[in-house]
Protein backbone atom coordinates (compact mmCIF):
# COMPACT_ATOMS: atom_id res chain seq x y z
CA MET A 1 143.19 60.95 46.84
CA LEU A 2 144.75 63.25 44.27
CA LEU A 3 147.12 61.63 41.80
CA LEU A 4 148.31 63.83 38.93
CA SER A 5 145.52 66.29 39.78
CA THR A 6 145.60 69.53 41.75
CA ALA A 7 141.86 69.46 42.47
CA LYS A 8 139.01 66.96 42.30
CA ILE A 9 135.23 66.98 42.69
CA THR A 10 133.38 63.70 43.15
CA VAL A 11 129.60 63.37 43.01
CA ARG A 12 128.36 59.96 44.10
CA GLY A 13 124.66 60.59 44.52
CA LYS A 14 122.16 63.40 45.01
CA GLY A 15 123.72 65.74 47.57
CA GLU A 16 126.89 63.64 48.01
CA VAL A 17 129.63 65.99 46.81
CA ARG A 18 133.29 65.71 47.84
CA VAL A 19 135.70 68.53 46.95
CA GLU A 20 139.47 68.12 47.32
CA GLY A 21 142.60 70.08 46.57
CA ARG A 22 142.61 73.64 45.29
CA TRP A 23 138.82 73.75 44.83
CA ALA A 24 138.26 72.95 48.52
CA THR A 25 137.96 76.64 49.41
CA HIS A 26 134.87 76.81 47.16
CA ARG A 27 133.27 73.63 48.57
CA ILE A 28 129.86 75.11 49.49
CA ARG A 29 129.42 77.04 46.24
CA ILE A 30 130.36 73.97 44.16
CA ALA A 31 128.07 71.63 46.12
CA ARG A 32 125.09 73.97 45.65
CA PHE A 33 125.71 74.36 41.93
CA LEU A 34 126.07 70.61 41.36
CA ASP A 35 122.98 69.90 43.46
CA ASP A 36 120.99 72.38 41.32
CA LEU A 37 122.16 70.52 38.19
CA GLY A 38 121.07 67.20 39.70
CA LEU A 39 124.30 65.40 38.76
CA GLU A 40 125.13 61.92 40.04
CA ARG A 41 128.16 59.62 39.58
CA VAL A 42 130.50 62.21 38.08
CA ALA A 43 134.13 63.14 38.73
CA ILE A 44 135.75 66.40 37.70
CA ARG A 45 139.52 66.86 37.93
CA LEU A 46 141.91 69.70 37.38
CA ARG A 47 144.91 68.12 35.65
CA PHE A 48 147.83 70.17 34.40
CA GLY A 49 145.57 73.24 34.21
CA ARG A 50 142.79 71.48 32.26
CA ILE A 51 139.38 70.44 33.56
CA VAL A 52 138.75 66.74 32.85
CA PHE A 53 135.37 65.00 33.25
CA SER A 54 134.55 61.36 33.87
CA GLY A 55 131.02 60.08 33.84
CA ASP A 56 128.12 60.51 31.47
CA LEU A 57 127.95 64.25 30.75
CA ASP A 58 126.82 65.85 27.51
CA ALA A 59 128.95 68.58 25.91
CA GLY A 60 126.59 71.36 27.02
CA THR A 61 126.75 70.34 30.68
CA GLN A 62 130.52 70.03 30.49
CA GLN A 63 130.79 73.56 29.11
CA ARG A 64 128.44 74.90 31.77
CA LEU A 65 130.54 73.28 34.51
CA ARG A 66 133.77 74.52 32.94
CA ASN A 67 132.42 78.09 32.82
CA PHE A 68 131.25 77.90 36.43
CA LEU A 69 134.54 76.54 37.75
CA VAL A 70 136.71 79.00 35.82
CA ASN A 71 134.60 82.09 36.59
CA GLU A 72 133.12 81.39 40.03
CA CYS A 73 135.77 79.13 41.60
CA PRO A 74 139.14 80.34 40.33
CA VAL A 75 142.24 78.39 41.27
CA LYS A 76 145.37 80.37 42.01
CA ARG A 77 148.42 79.14 40.19
CA GLY A 78 151.34 78.26 42.30
């Protein structure tokens, strides 16, 4: 469920990716990218135009995800 967020990605385990909200149109691309990174137990939200991470991610991985989401999975404002 989306509260205060316009989009959310949840990774529970290897290959278990759930995409909601405005990123839903990019579901397959996002799932493949996250699977290639091997991430588990991570949530990524789009809140008030900012990408927010929860889980144990280093700064480099966060930047890589941010770049991917902004460049490959753009969200239209509206």
